[in-house]
């Protein structure tokens, strides 16, 4: 019993460790713009678009915006605000201290801009598409399973005749009448001697007795 519990504990530790290792490996830290950082890109917004196209963003990953505090900031906005470069409504607070780490907590399209001056209009903006961590598994078909064209098989009905449903009849007695039940013979008791045998024995005994009596008298 102790050996089994020890083995079960060992297996549990291995499974939990593998799960933690998988989660750690699955989470990636992305430095926005790589060595360029979060700045006004020399080539305009295309620089961040090209950078994002080479990455795969998953739920749980982290974006790192490297910028100098006071020179830039970062805010998550809607697509409408992203296209218009407006920061009147943001998703969450504007982060003004660099570097800023943002964890991707949901799948879908995410949009980020710098709210200072005309930085967004000049190209300091980023849009990414985040995939669910479960997207690595096969995507189930949108259509449900096709119903079977044939109904579920049921037990084949009998022919319906009474003979099929009735129990198997016993064999009829033979033409010579019902078979006689032969009783098991019991052990034979001692045979009673017939009357003639008894008379003979008595006569023989009497004769012998007479001879002995005559012998003693003489």
N, C-alpha and C. Protein backbone atom coordinates (compact mmCIF):
# COMPACT_ATOMS: atom_id res chain seq x y z
N UNK A 1 0.83 -1.21 0.00
CA UNK A 1 0.00 0.00 0.00
C UNK A 1 0.87 1.26 0.00
N UNK A 2 1.92 1.25 0.88
CA UNK A 2 2.81 2.42 0.93
C UNK A 2 3.53 2.63 -0.39
N UNK A 3 3.92 1.52 -1.04
CA UNK A 3 4.61 1.62 -2.33
C UNK A 3 3.69 2.23 -3.38
N UNK A 4 2.41 1.82 -3.37
CA UNK A 4 1.48 2.36 -4.36
C UNK A 4 1.25 3.85 -4.13
N UNK A 5 1.12 4.25 -2.86
CA UNK A 5 0.92 5.68 -2.58
C UNK A 5 2.14 6.48 -2.99
N UNK A 6 3.35 5.91 -2.78
CA UNK A 6 4.55 6.61 -3.20
C UNK A 6 4.62 6.79 -4.70
N UNK A 7 4.26 5.75 -5.44
CA UNK A 7 4.26 5.84 -6.90
C UNK A 7 3.23 6.85 -7.38
N UNK A 8 2.03 6.86 -6.73
CA UNK A 8 1.00 7.81 -7.13
C UNK A 8 1.47 9.24 -6.90
N UNK A 9 2.15 9.48 -5.77
CA UNK A 9 2.67 10.82 -5.51
C UNK A 9 3.73 11.23 -6.52
N UNK A 10 4.58 10.29 -6.90
CA UNK A 10 5.62 10.59 -7.89
C UNK A 10 5.00 10.96 -9.23
N UNK A 11 3.99 10.19 -9.65
CA UNK A 11 3.32 10.47 -10.92
C UNK A 11 2.66 11.84 -10.88
N UNK A 12 2.02 12.19 -9.75
CA UNK A 12 1.37 13.49 -9.62
C UNK A 12 2.37 14.62 -9.76
N UNK A 13 3.53 14.47 -9.12
CA UNK A 13 4.56 15.52 -9.21
C UNK A 13 5.03 15.68 -10.65
N UNK A 14 5.21 14.57 -11.36
CA UNK A 14 5.67 14.64 -12.75
C UNK A 14 4.65 15.33 -13.62
N UNK A 15 3.35 14.99 -13.43
CA UNK A 15 2.30 15.59 -14.25
C UNK A 15 2.20 17.08 -14.00
N UNK A 16 2.21 17.49 -12.73
CA UNK A 16 2.12 18.91 -12.41
C UNK A 16 3.33 19.67 -12.95
N UNK A 17 4.51 19.07 -12.81
CA UNK A 17 5.71 19.72 -13.34
C UNK A 17 5.66 19.90 -14.84
N UNK A 18 5.16 18.87 -15.54
CA UNK A 18 5.04 18.97 -16.99
C UNK A 18 4.04 20.04 -17.39
N UNK A 19 2.93 20.13 -16.63
CA UNK A 19 1.93 21.16 -16.94
C UNK A 19 2.50 22.56 -16.73
N UNK A 20 3.23 22.75 -15.63
CA UNK A 20 3.84 24.06 -15.39
C UNK A 20 4.88 24.40 -16.44
N UNK A 21 5.65 23.40 -16.85
CA UNK A 21 6.65 23.63 -17.89
C UNK A 21 5.99 24.00 -19.20
N UNK A 22 4.86 23.34 -19.50
CA UNK A 22 4.14 23.64 -20.74
C UNK A 22 3.61 25.07 -20.72
N UNK A 23 3.03 25.46 -19.56
CA UNK A 23 2.50 26.82 -19.46
C UNK A 23 3.60 27.85 -19.57
N UNK A 24 4.75 27.56 -18.94
CA UNK A 24 5.87 28.50 -19.00
C UNK A 24 6.39 28.64 -20.42
N UNK A 25 6.48 27.49 -21.11
CA UNK A 25 6.99 27.52 -22.48
C UNK A 25 6.01 28.20 -23.42
N UNK A 26 4.71 28.10 -23.11
CA UNK A 26 3.70 28.65 -24.01
C UNK A 26 3.64 30.17 -23.91
N UNK A 27 4.00 30.74 -22.76
CA UNK A 27 3.94 32.19 -22.58
C UNK A 27 5.23 32.82 -23.11
N UNK A 28 5.04 33.81 -23.98
CA UNK A 28 6.17 34.45 -24.64
C UNK A 28 6.16 35.94 -24.34
N UNK A 29 7.33 36.51 -24.17
CA UNK A 29 7.48 37.95 -23.97
C UNK A 29 7.92 38.58 -25.29
N UNK A 30 7.12 39.51 -25.77
CA UNK A 30 7.41 40.18 -27.05
C UNK A 30 7.83 41.63 -26.76
N UNK A 31 9.04 41.97 -27.16
CA UNK A 31 9.51 43.35 -27.04
C UNK A 31 9.07 44.09 -28.30
N UNK A 32 8.15 45.02 -28.12
CA UNK A 32 7.57 45.73 -29.27
C UNK A 32 8.66 46.49 -30.03
N UNK A 33 8.75 46.18 -31.34
CA UNK A 33 9.74 46.83 -32.18
C UNK A 33 11.13 46.28 -32.02
N UNK A 34 11.29 45.25 -31.18
CA UNK A 34 12.61 44.67 -30.90
C UNK A 34 13.59 45.76 -30.45
N UNK A 35 14.71 45.87 -31.12
CA UNK A 35 15.74 46.83 -30.69
C UNK A 35 15.31 48.28 -30.90
N UNK A 36 14.34 48.51 -31.78
CA UNK A 36 13.87 49.88 -32.03
C UNK A 36 13.11 50.41 -30.84
N UNK A 37 12.37 49.54 -30.17
CA UNK A 37 11.59 49.96 -29.02
C UNK A 37 10.29 50.65 -29.43
N UNK A 38 9.67 51.32 -28.43
CA UNK A 38 8.40 52.02 -28.65
C UNK A 38 8.70 53.50 -28.83
N UNK A 39 8.87 53.86 -30.12
CA UNK A 39 9.25 55.23 -30.48
C UNK A 39 8.47 55.64 -31.72
N UNK A 40 8.74 56.85 -32.19
CA UNK A 40 8.20 57.25 -33.49
C UNK A 40 9.04 56.55 -34.55
N UNK A 41 8.48 55.58 -35.28
CA UNK A 41 9.30 54.78 -36.20
C UNK A 41 9.75 55.61 -37.41
N UNK A 42 11.00 55.43 -37.81
CA UNK A 42 11.50 56.18 -38.96
C UNK A 42 10.70 55.91 -40.23
N UNK A 43 10.24 54.69 -40.41
CA UNK A 43 9.52 54.37 -41.64
C UNK A 43 8.02 54.48 -41.53
N UNK A 44 7.51 55.11 -40.46
CA UNK A 44 6.07 55.26 -40.29
C UNK A 44 5.46 54.00 -39.67
N UNK A 45 4.13 53.92 -39.69
CA UNK A 45 3.40 52.84 -39.04
C UNK A 45 3.72 51.47 -39.62
N UNK A 46 4.23 51.45 -40.87
CA UNK A 46 4.54 50.16 -41.51
C UNK A 46 5.60 49.39 -40.73
N UNK A 47 6.44 50.10 -39.97
CA UNK A 47 7.50 49.42 -39.21
C UNK A 47 6.90 48.49 -38.17
N UNK A 48 5.89 48.96 -37.44
CA UNK A 48 5.27 48.10 -36.42
C UNK A 48 4.35 47.05 -37.06
N UNK A 49 3.78 47.39 -38.20
CA UNK A 49 2.96 46.39 -38.90
C UNK A 49 3.81 45.22 -39.35
N UNK A 50 5.00 45.53 -39.90
CA UNK A 50 5.91 44.47 -40.34
C UNK A 50 6.40 43.65 -39.15
N UNK A 51 6.70 44.34 -38.04
CA UNK A 51 7.17 43.61 -36.85
C UNK A 51 6.09 42.64 -36.35
N UNK A 52 4.86 43.08 -36.27
CA UNK A 52 3.77 42.24 -35.76
C UNK A 52 3.51 41.04 -36.67
N UNK A 53 3.75 41.22 -37.98
CA UNK A 53 3.45 40.13 -38.92
C UNK A 53 4.40 38.95 -38.75
N UNK A 54 5.52 39.17 -38.08
CA UNK A 54 6.49 38.09 -37.89
C UNK A 54 6.31 37.38 -36.54
N UNK A 55 5.32 37.80 -35.76
CA UNK A 55 5.12 37.24 -34.43
C UNK A 55 3.80 36.47 -34.35
N UNK A 56 3.74 35.60 -33.36
CA UNK A 56 2.51 34.88 -33.06
C UNK A 56 2.14 35.21 -31.62
N UNK A 57 1.02 35.88 -31.46
CA UNK A 57 0.60 36.35 -30.14
C UNK A 57 -0.47 35.41 -29.57
N UNK A 58 -0.25 34.96 -28.36
CA UNK A 58 -1.17 34.04 -27.70
C UNK A 58 -1.65 34.65 -26.39
N UNK A 59 -2.82 34.22 -25.95
CA UNK A 59 -3.32 34.66 -24.65
C UNK A 59 -2.32 34.22 -23.57
N UNK A 60 -1.95 35.14 -22.71
CA UNK A 60 -0.95 34.85 -21.69
C UNK A 60 0.41 35.44 -22.01
N UNK A 61 0.64 35.80 -23.27
CA UNK A 61 1.91 36.43 -23.64
C UNK A 61 1.98 37.85 -23.07
N UNK A 62 3.19 38.40 -23.09
CA UNK A 62 3.41 39.75 -22.55
C UNK A 62 4.03 40.65 -23.61
N UNK A 63 3.48 41.86 -23.72
CA UNK A 63 4.07 42.88 -24.60
C UNK A 63 4.90 43.82 -23.74
N UNK A 64 6.11 44.10 -24.19
CA UNK A 64 7.00 45.03 -23.48
C UNK A 64 7.20 46.26 -24.36
N UNK A 65 6.72 47.40 -23.88
CA UNK A 65 6.90 48.67 -24.61
C UNK A 65 8.07 49.41 -23.96
N UNK A 66 9.18 49.41 -24.68
CA UNK A 66 10.37 50.11 -24.18
C UNK A 66 10.36 51.57 -24.64
N UNK A 67 10.20 52.50 -23.71
CA UNK A 67 10.23 53.93 -24.05
C UNK A 67 10.75 54.71 -22.84
N UNK A 68 11.15 55.90 -23.14
CA UNK A 68 11.66 56.78 -22.08
C UNK A 68 10.50 57.51 -21.44
N UNK A 69 10.43 57.45 -20.12
CA UNK A 69 9.34 58.10 -19.39
C UNK A 69 9.35 59.61 -19.67
N UNK A 70 8.18 60.13 -20.00
CA UNK A 70 8.03 61.55 -20.30
C UNK A 70 8.09 61.85 -21.78
N UNK A 71 8.70 60.93 -22.57
CA UNK A 71 8.78 61.16 -24.01
C UNK A 71 7.67 60.44 -24.76
N UNK A 72 7.22 59.33 -24.22
CA UNK A 72 6.16 58.56 -24.87
C UNK A 72 5.27 57.93 -23.78
N UNK A 73 4.17 57.39 -24.22
CA UNK A 73 3.30 56.59 -23.35
C UNK A 73 2.63 55.52 -24.21
N UNK A 74 1.78 54.72 -23.61
CA UNK A 74 1.08 53.69 -24.38
C UNK A 74 -0.31 53.49 -23.78
N UNK A 75 -1.28 53.34 -24.68
CA UNK A 75 -2.66 53.12 -24.26
C UNK A 75 -3.32 52.14 -25.21
N UNK A 76 -4.16 51.28 -24.65
CA UNK A 76 -4.94 50.37 -25.49
C UNK A 76 -6.25 51.05 -25.83
N UNK A 77 -6.60 51.00 -27.12
CA UNK A 77 -7.81 51.69 -27.58
C UNK A 77 -8.62 50.78 -28.48
N UNK A 78 -9.80 51.26 -28.87
CA UNK A 78 -10.64 50.52 -29.81
C UNK A 78 -10.12 50.72 -31.23
N UNK A 79 -10.68 49.96 -32.16
CA UNK A 79 -10.25 50.09 -33.55
C UNK A 79 -10.58 51.48 -34.10
N UNK A 80 -11.74 52.00 -33.70
CA UNK A 80 -12.14 53.33 -34.17
C UNK A 80 -11.15 54.39 -33.71
N UNK A 81 -10.78 54.31 -32.43
CA UNK A 81 -9.82 55.28 -31.89
C UNK A 81 -8.44 55.05 -32.51
N UNK A 82 -8.11 53.80 -32.81
CA UNK A 82 -6.83 53.49 -33.42
C UNK A 82 -6.74 54.11 -34.81
N UNK A 83 -7.81 53.94 -35.60
CA UNK A 83 -7.79 54.49 -36.96
C UNK A 83 -7.76 56.02 -36.95
N UNK A 84 -8.46 56.61 -35.98
CA UNK A 84 -8.55 58.08 -35.93
C UNK A 84 -7.45 58.70 -35.08
N UNK A 85 -6.64 57.83 -34.40
CA UNK A 85 -5.59 58.32 -33.50
C UNK A 85 -6.15 59.27 -32.44
N UNK A 86 -7.23 58.84 -31.80
CA UNK A 86 -7.80 59.62 -30.70
C UNK A 86 -7.70 58.81 -29.41
N UNK A 87 -7.53 59.52 -28.31
CA UNK A 87 -7.39 58.85 -27.02
C UNK A 87 -8.42 59.33 -26.00
N UNK A 88 -9.55 59.80 -26.51
CA UNK A 88 -10.59 60.27 -25.59
C UNK A 88 -11.15 59.11 -24.76
N UNK A 89 -11.21 57.96 -25.35
CA UNK A 89 -11.65 56.76 -24.62
C UNK A 89 -10.59 55.69 -24.80
N UNK A 90 -10.08 55.22 -23.71
CA UNK A 90 -9.06 54.17 -23.76
C UNK A 90 -9.56 52.94 -23.02
N UNK A 91 -8.95 51.82 -23.32
CA UNK A 91 -9.27 50.57 -22.62
C UNK A 91 -8.25 50.44 -21.50
N UNK A 92 -8.68 50.77 -20.30
CA UNK A 92 -7.74 50.81 -19.20
C UNK A 92 -7.04 52.16 -19.12
N UNK A 93 -6.08 52.24 -18.24
CA UNK A 93 -5.37 53.50 -18.02
C UNK A 93 -4.23 53.68 -19.01
N UNK A 94 -3.91 54.93 -19.26
CA UNK A 94 -2.75 55.25 -20.09
C UNK A 94 -1.50 55.03 -19.24
N UNK A 95 -0.55 54.26 -19.76
CA UNK A 95 0.69 53.96 -19.03
C UNK A 95 1.75 54.98 -19.45
N UNK A 96 2.21 55.74 -18.49
CA UNK A 96 3.15 56.82 -18.80
C UNK A 96 4.58 56.52 -18.35
N UNK A 97 4.78 55.41 -17.67
CA UNK A 97 6.11 55.07 -17.18
C UNK A 97 6.67 53.90 -17.96
N UNK A 98 7.85 54.12 -18.55
CA UNK A 98 8.46 53.05 -19.31
C UNK A 98 9.58 52.35 -18.55
N UNK A 99 9.88 51.13 -18.92
CA UNK A 99 9.14 50.31 -19.89
C UNK A 99 7.82 49.81 -19.30
N UNK A 100 6.87 49.52 -20.18
CA UNK A 100 5.55 49.07 -19.76
C UNK A 100 5.33 47.63 -20.21
N UNK A 101 4.87 46.82 -19.27
CA UNK A 101 4.57 45.41 -19.59
C UNK A 101 3.06 45.20 -19.57
N UNK A 102 2.53 44.71 -20.67
CA UNK A 102 1.09 44.45 -20.78
C UNK A 102 0.88 42.97 -21.09
N UNK A 103 0.06 42.32 -20.28
CA UNK A 103 -0.24 40.90 -20.50
C UNK A 103 -1.49 40.76 -21.36
N UNK A 104 -1.41 39.91 -22.35
CA UNK A 104 -2.54 39.68 -23.25
C UNK A 104 -3.50 38.70 -22.58
N UNK A 105 -4.65 39.21 -22.17
CA UNK A 105 -5.59 38.40 -21.38
C UNK A 105 -6.78 37.91 -22.19
N UNK A 106 -6.89 38.34 -23.43
CA UNK A 106 -8.04 37.91 -24.24
C UNK A 106 -7.62 37.79 -25.69
N UNK A 107 -8.35 36.96 -26.41
CA UNK A 107 -8.06 36.78 -27.82
C UNK A 107 -8.76 37.85 -28.65
N UNK A 108 -8.34 37.97 -29.90
CA UNK A 108 -8.94 38.95 -30.80
C UNK A 108 -7.95 40.03 -31.19
N UNK A 109 -8.46 41.10 -31.78
CA UNK A 109 -7.62 42.21 -32.22
C UNK A 109 -7.38 43.20 -31.08
N UNK A 110 -6.13 43.58 -30.90
CA UNK A 110 -5.76 44.55 -29.86
C UNK A 110 -5.06 45.73 -30.54
N UNK A 111 -5.36 46.94 -30.04
CA UNK A 111 -4.82 48.16 -30.66
C UNK A 111 -4.16 49.03 -29.59
N UNK A 112 -2.96 49.55 -29.93
CA UNK A 112 -2.20 50.38 -28.99
C UNK A 112 -1.68 51.62 -29.72
N UNK A 113 -1.67 52.73 -29.01
CA UNK A 113 -1.16 53.98 -29.59
C UNK A 113 -0.39 54.75 -28.52
N UNK A 114 0.40 55.72 -29.00
CA UNK A 114 0.99 56.70 -28.11
C UNK A 114 0.08 57.93 -28.15
N UNK A 115 -0.33 58.41 -26.98
CA UNK A 115 -1.33 59.49 -26.93
C UNK A 115 -0.69 60.89 -26.97
N UNK A 116 0.62 60.95 -26.92
CA UNK A 116 1.28 62.26 -26.88
C UNK A 116 1.37 62.88 -28.27
N UNK A 117 1.03 64.20 -28.34
CA UNK A 117 1.18 64.96 -29.58
C UNK A 117 0.59 64.27 -30.79
N UNK A 118 1.37 64.27 -31.86
CA UNK A 118 0.99 63.64 -33.11
C UNK A 118 1.71 62.31 -33.32
N UNK A 119 2.19 61.72 -32.22
CA UNK A 119 2.99 60.50 -32.35
C UNK A 119 2.21 59.38 -33.06
N UNK A 120 0.94 59.25 -32.73
CA UNK A 120 0.14 58.19 -33.37
C UNK A 120 -0.01 58.46 -34.86
N UNK A 121 -0.29 59.70 -35.22
CA UNK A 121 -0.46 60.03 -36.63
C UNK A 121 0.83 59.81 -37.42
N UNK A 122 1.96 59.98 -36.76
CA UNK A 122 3.24 59.80 -37.45
C UNK A 122 3.58 58.32 -37.62
N UNK A 123 2.94 57.48 -36.81
CA UNK A 123 3.18 56.04 -36.99
C UNK A 123 3.42 55.25 -35.72
N UNK A 124 3.36 55.92 -34.52
CA UNK A 124 3.60 55.19 -33.27
C UNK A 124 2.28 54.53 -32.82
N UNK A 125 1.96 53.45 -33.50
CA UNK A 125 0.72 52.71 -33.25
C UNK A 125 0.95 51.24 -33.60
N UNK A 126 0.25 50.38 -32.92
CA UNK A 126 0.46 48.94 -33.11
C UNK A 126 -0.88 48.21 -33.04
N UNK A 127 -1.10 47.33 -33.99
CA UNK A 127 -2.28 46.45 -33.96
C UNK A 127 -1.81 45.01 -34.07
N UNK A 128 -2.36 44.15 -33.23
CA UNK A 128 -2.00 42.73 -33.25
C UNK A 128 -3.26 41.88 -33.13
N UNK A 129 -3.13 40.63 -33.51
CA UNK A 129 -4.23 39.66 -33.36
C UNK A 129 -3.76 38.58 -32.40
N UNK A 130 -4.51 38.42 -31.32
CA UNK A 130 -4.15 37.46 -30.27
C UNK A 130 -5.00 36.20 -30.44
N UNK A 131 -4.32 35.07 -30.40
CA UNK A 131 -5.01 33.79 -30.53
C UNK A 131 -5.19 33.15 -29.16
N UNK A 132 -6.24 32.38 -29.06
CA UNK A 132 -6.47 31.65 -27.81
C UNK A 132 -5.44 30.56 -27.66
N UNK A 133 -5.05 30.29 -26.42
CA UNK A 133 -4.07 29.23 -26.18
C UNK A 133 -4.62 27.87 -26.54
N UNK A 134 -5.97 27.73 -26.64
CA UNK A 134 -6.59 26.45 -27.01
C UNK A 134 -6.68 26.28 -28.50
N UNK A 135 -6.22 27.28 -29.28
CA UNK A 135 -6.36 27.19 -30.73
C UNK A 135 -5.41 26.18 -31.34
N UNK A 136 -4.46 25.67 -30.53
CA UNK A 136 -3.55 24.66 -31.07
C UNK A 136 -4.23 23.33 -31.29
N UNK A 137 -5.37 23.12 -30.61
CA UNK A 137 -6.10 21.87 -30.81
C UNK A 137 -6.94 21.99 -32.07
N UNK A 138 -7.31 20.89 -32.69
CA UNK A 138 -8.11 20.93 -33.92
C UNK A 138 -9.40 21.68 -33.71
N UNK A 139 -9.71 22.57 -34.65
CA UNK A 139 -10.94 23.35 -34.56
C UNK A 139 -12.14 22.48 -34.88
N UNK A 140 -13.12 22.40 -33.97
CA UNK A 140 -14.27 21.54 -34.26
C UNK A 140 -15.08 22.08 -35.41
N UNK A 141 -15.71 21.24 -36.12
CA UNK A 141 -16.52 21.64 -37.26
C UNK A 141 -17.71 22.44 -36.79
N UNK A 142 -18.08 23.48 -37.54
CA UNK A 142 -19.22 24.31 -37.16
C UNK A 142 -20.52 23.52 -37.27
N UNK A 143 -20.55 22.62 -38.20
CA UNK A 143 -21.75 21.83 -38.37
C UNK A 143 -21.75 20.69 -37.38
N UNK A 144 -22.91 20.40 -36.85
CA UNK A 144 -23.04 19.29 -35.92
C UNK A 144 -22.92 17.98 -36.66
N UNK A 145 -22.78 16.92 -35.94
CA UNK A 145 -22.67 15.62 -36.60
C UNK A 145 -23.92 15.28 -37.38
N UNK A 146 -23.72 14.77 -38.57
CA UNK A 146 -24.85 14.42 -39.42
C UNK A 146 -25.62 13.28 -38.80
N UNK A 147 -26.97 13.44 -38.72
CA UNK A 147 -27.74 12.34 -38.14
C UNK A 147 -27.64 11.10 -39.00
N UNK A 148 -27.68 9.99 -38.37
CA UNK A 148 -27.59 8.72 -39.09
C UNK A 148 -28.79 8.57 -40.00
N UNK A 149 -28.54 8.10 -41.23
CA UNK A 149 -29.63 7.95 -42.19
C UNK A 149 -30.54 6.80 -41.82
N UNK A 150 -30.04 5.90 -41.04
CA UNK A 150 -30.86 4.75 -40.64
C UNK A 150 -31.11 4.82 -39.16
N UNK A 151 -32.33 4.46 -38.72
CA UNK A 151 -32.62 4.49 -37.29
C UNK A 151 -31.78 3.48 -36.56
N UNK A 152 -31.63 3.66 -35.26
CA UNK A 152 -30.85 2.69 -34.49
C UNK A 152 -31.42 1.30 -34.63
N UNK A 153 -30.53 0.36 -34.80
CA UNK A 153 -30.98 -1.02 -34.98
C UNK A 153 -31.63 -1.52 -33.72
N UNK A 154 -32.73 -2.25 -33.90
CA UNK A 154 -33.45 -2.85 -32.78
C UNK A 154 -33.45 -4.34 -32.97
N UNK A 155 -33.71 -5.10 -31.91
CA UNK A 155 -33.72 -6.57 -32.06
C UNK A 155 -34.71 -7.01 -33.12
N UNK A 156 -34.29 -7.94 -33.97
CA UNK A 156 -35.13 -8.43 -35.06
C UNK A 156 -36.38 -9.07 -34.50
N UNK A 157 -37.60 -8.68 -34.95
CA UNK A 157 -38.83 -9.28 -34.43
C UNK A 157 -38.93 -10.73 -34.84
N UNK A 158 -39.63 -11.49 -34.02
CA UNK A 158 -39.86 -12.90 -34.35
C UNK A 158 -40.91 -13.00 -35.44
N UNK A 159 -41.12 -14.21 -35.93
CA UNK A 159 -42.05 -14.38 -37.04
C UNK A 159 -43.48 -14.10 -36.63
N UNK A 160 -43.74 -14.04 -35.30
CA UNK A 160 -45.08 -13.70 -34.87
C UNK A 160 -45.97 -14.88 -34.68
N UNK A 161 -45.52 -16.08 -35.03
CA UNK A 161 -46.36 -17.26 -34.86
C UNK A 161 -46.29 -17.72 -33.43
N UNK A 162 -47.38 -18.31 -32.89
CA UNK A 162 -47.37 -18.77 -31.50
C UNK A 162 -46.26 -19.74 -31.24
N UNK A 163 -45.91 -20.56 -32.25
CA UNK A 163 -44.88 -21.58 -32.04
C UNK A 163 -43.53 -20.94 -31.73
N UNK A 164 -43.29 -19.73 -32.30
CA UNK A 164 -42.01 -19.07 -32.06
C UNK A 164 -41.91 -18.55 -30.64
N UNK A 165 -43.06 -18.14 -30.07
CA UNK A 165 -43.05 -17.55 -28.74
C UNK A 165 -43.24 -18.58 -27.64
N UNK A 166 -43.87 -19.74 -27.97
CA UNK A 166 -44.16 -20.74 -26.95
C UNK A 166 -42.91 -21.49 -26.58
N UNK A 167 -42.84 -21.99 -25.32
CA UNK A 167 -41.67 -22.78 -24.93
C UNK A 167 -41.62 -24.09 -25.67
N UNK A 168 -40.47 -24.67 -25.76
CA UNK A 168 -40.29 -25.94 -26.47
C UNK A 168 -41.06 -27.04 -25.76
N UNK A 169 -42.03 -27.70 -26.44
CA UNK A 169 -42.85 -28.74 -25.78
C UNK A 169 -42.00 -29.96 -25.48
N UNK A 170 -42.46 -30.72 -24.46
CA UNK A 170 -41.78 -31.96 -24.14
C UNK A 170 -42.15 -33.02 -25.17
N UNK A 171 -41.30 -33.99 -25.31
CA UNK A 171 -41.55 -35.06 -26.28
C UNK A 171 -42.77 -35.85 -25.87
N UNK A 172 -43.67 -36.21 -26.78
CA UNK A 172 -44.88 -36.99 -26.43
C UNK A 172 -44.48 -38.39 -26.04
N UNK A 173 -45.34 -39.05 -25.28
CA UNK A 173 -45.05 -40.44 -24.89
C UNK A 173 -45.05 -41.33 -26.10
N UNK A 174 -44.35 -42.44 -26.01
CA UNK A 174 -44.27 -43.38 -27.12
C UNK A 174 -45.59 -44.11 -27.29
N UNK A 175 -45.70 -44.82 -28.42
CA UNK A 175 -46.96 -45.50 -28.74
C UNK A 175 -47.31 -46.55 -27.71
N UNK A 176 -46.35 -47.14 -27.03
CA UNK A 176 -46.64 -48.19 -26.07
C UNK A 176 -47.09 -47.65 -24.73
N UNK A 177 -47.47 -46.39 -24.66
CA UNK A 177 -47.91 -45.85 -23.39
C UNK A 177 -46.78 -45.08 -22.72
N UNK A 178 -47.11 -44.42 -21.65
CA UNK A 178 -46.08 -43.63 -20.97
C UNK A 178 -44.96 -44.51 -20.47
N UNK A 179 -43.81 -43.97 -20.57
CA UNK A 179 -42.65 -44.74 -20.13
C UNK A 179 -42.73 -44.98 -18.65
N UNK A 180 -42.61 -46.27 -18.30
CA UNK A 180 -42.71 -46.62 -16.88
C UNK A 180 -41.45 -46.20 -16.16
N UNK A 181 -41.67 -45.67 -15.02
CA UNK A 181 -40.52 -45.23 -14.21
C UNK A 181 -39.99 -46.42 -13.45
N UNK A 182 -38.79 -46.79 -13.77
CA UNK A 182 -38.19 -47.97 -13.13
C UNK A 182 -37.64 -47.57 -11.78
N UNK A 183 -38.21 -48.09 -10.70
CA UNK A 183 -37.72 -47.69 -9.38
C UNK A 183 -36.33 -48.23 -9.14
N UNK A 184 -35.60 -47.51 -8.39
CA UNK A 184 -34.25 -47.94 -8.04
C UNK A 184 -34.33 -49.08 -7.04
N UNK A 185 -33.77 -50.23 -7.36
CA UNK A 185 -33.88 -51.37 -6.43
C UNK A 185 -33.17 -51.07 -5.14
N UNK A 186 -33.86 -51.44 -4.07
CA UNK A 186 -33.27 -51.25 -2.74
C UNK A 186 -32.51 -52.49 -2.36
N UNK A 187 -31.71 -52.38 -1.33
CA UNK A 187 -30.90 -53.52 -0.89
C UNK A 187 -31.80 -54.60 -0.32
N UNK A 188 -31.60 -55.80 -0.77
CA UNK A 188 -32.45 -56.91 -0.33
C UNK A 188 -32.13 -57.30 1.09
N UNK A 189 -33.19 -57.49 1.88
CA UNK A 189 -33.01 -57.90 3.26
C UNK A 189 -32.76 -59.40 3.35
N UNK A 190 -32.59 -59.96 4.54
CA UNK A 190 -32.36 -61.42 4.68
C UNK A 190 -33.54 -62.22 4.18
N UNK A 191 -33.25 -63.28 3.44
CA UNK A 191 -34.31 -64.11 2.84
C UNK A 191 -34.96 -64.99 3.90
N UNK A 192 -36.29 -64.90 3.98
CA UNK A 192 -37.03 -65.72 4.95
C UNK A 192 -37.16 -67.14 4.42
N UNK A 193 -36.72 -68.16 5.16
CA UNK A 193 -36.80 -69.54 4.63
C UNK A 193 -38.23 -69.97 4.46
N UNK A 194 -38.47 -70.78 3.45
CA UNK A 194 -39.82 -71.29 3.18
C UNK A 194 -40.23 -72.29 4.26
N UNK A 195 -41.52 -72.63 4.30
CA UNK A 195 -42.05 -73.53 5.33
C UNK A 195 -41.47 -74.93 5.22
N UNK A 196 -41.25 -75.42 3.97
CA UNK A 196 -40.70 -76.76 3.77
C UNK A 196 -39.29 -76.85 4.31
N UNK A 197 -38.52 -75.78 4.12
CA UNK A 197 -37.15 -75.78 4.63
C UNK A 197 -37.15 -75.81 6.14
N UNK A 198 -38.10 -75.13 6.74
CA UNK A 198 -38.19 -75.09 8.20
C UNK A 198 -38.50 -76.47 8.76
N UNK A 199 -39.43 -77.18 8.12
CA UNK A 199 -39.81 -78.53 8.57
C UNK A 199 -38.63 -79.47 8.48
N UNK A 200 -37.87 -79.38 7.37
CA UNK A 200 -36.72 -80.26 7.18
C UNK A 200 -35.68 -80.02 8.24
N UNK A 201 -35.43 -78.75 8.52
CA UNK A 201 -34.43 -78.41 9.52
C UNK A 201 -34.86 -78.90 10.90
N UNK A 202 -36.15 -78.71 11.19
CA UNK A 202 -36.66 -79.17 12.50
C UNK A 202 -36.54 -80.70 12.64
N UNK A 203 -36.84 -81.43 11.58
CA UNK A 203 -36.75 -82.90 11.62
C UNK A 203 -35.31 -83.33 11.82
N UNK A 204 -34.39 -82.65 11.10
CA UNK A 204 -32.98 -83.00 11.22
C UNK A 204 -32.48 -82.73 12.63
N UNK A 205 -32.92 -81.60 13.19
CA UNK A 205 -32.50 -81.26 14.55
C UNK A 205 -33.03 -82.27 15.55
N UNK A 206 -34.27 -82.68 15.36
CA UNK A 206 -34.88 -83.66 16.27
C UNK A 206 -34.14 -84.99 16.19
N UNK A 207 -33.76 -85.40 15.01
CA UNK A 207 -33.04 -86.67 14.84
C UNK A 207 -31.71 -86.61 15.55
N UNK A 208 -30.99 -85.53 15.36
CA UNK A 208 -29.69 -85.39 16.01
C UNK A 208 -29.84 -85.40 17.52
N UNK A 209 -30.87 -84.71 18.02
CA UNK A 209 -31.11 -84.67 19.46
C UNK A 209 -31.41 -86.06 20.01
N UNK A 210 -32.18 -86.82 19.24
CA UNK A 210 -32.53 -88.17 19.67
C UNK A 210 -31.29 -89.03 19.74
N UNK A 211 -30.40 -88.90 18.79
CA UNK A 211 -29.17 -89.69 18.79
C UNK A 211 -28.34 -89.36 20.00
N UNK A 212 -28.17 -88.03 20.32
CA UNK A 212 -27.38 -87.65 21.48
C UNK A 212 -27.99 -88.17 22.77
N UNK A 213 -29.31 -88.11 22.88
CA UNK A 213 -29.98 -88.58 24.09
C UNK A 213 -29.80 -90.08 24.24
N UNK A 214 -29.92 -90.80 23.13
CA UNK A 214 -29.73 -92.25 23.19
C UNK A 214 -28.31 -92.58 23.58
N UNK A 215 -27.32 -91.83 23.11
CA UNK A 215 -25.92 -92.07 23.41
C UNK A 215 -25.67 -91.89 24.90
N UNK A 216 -26.24 -90.82 25.50
CA UNK A 216 -26.01 -90.59 26.92
C UNK A 216 -26.75 -91.59 27.78
N UNK A 217 -27.93 -92.03 27.34
CA UNK A 217 -28.69 -93.01 28.13
C UNK A 217 -27.95 -94.33 28.15
N UNK A 218 -27.42 -94.74 27.02
CA UNK A 218 -26.68 -95.99 26.96
C UNK A 218 -25.36 -95.82 27.68
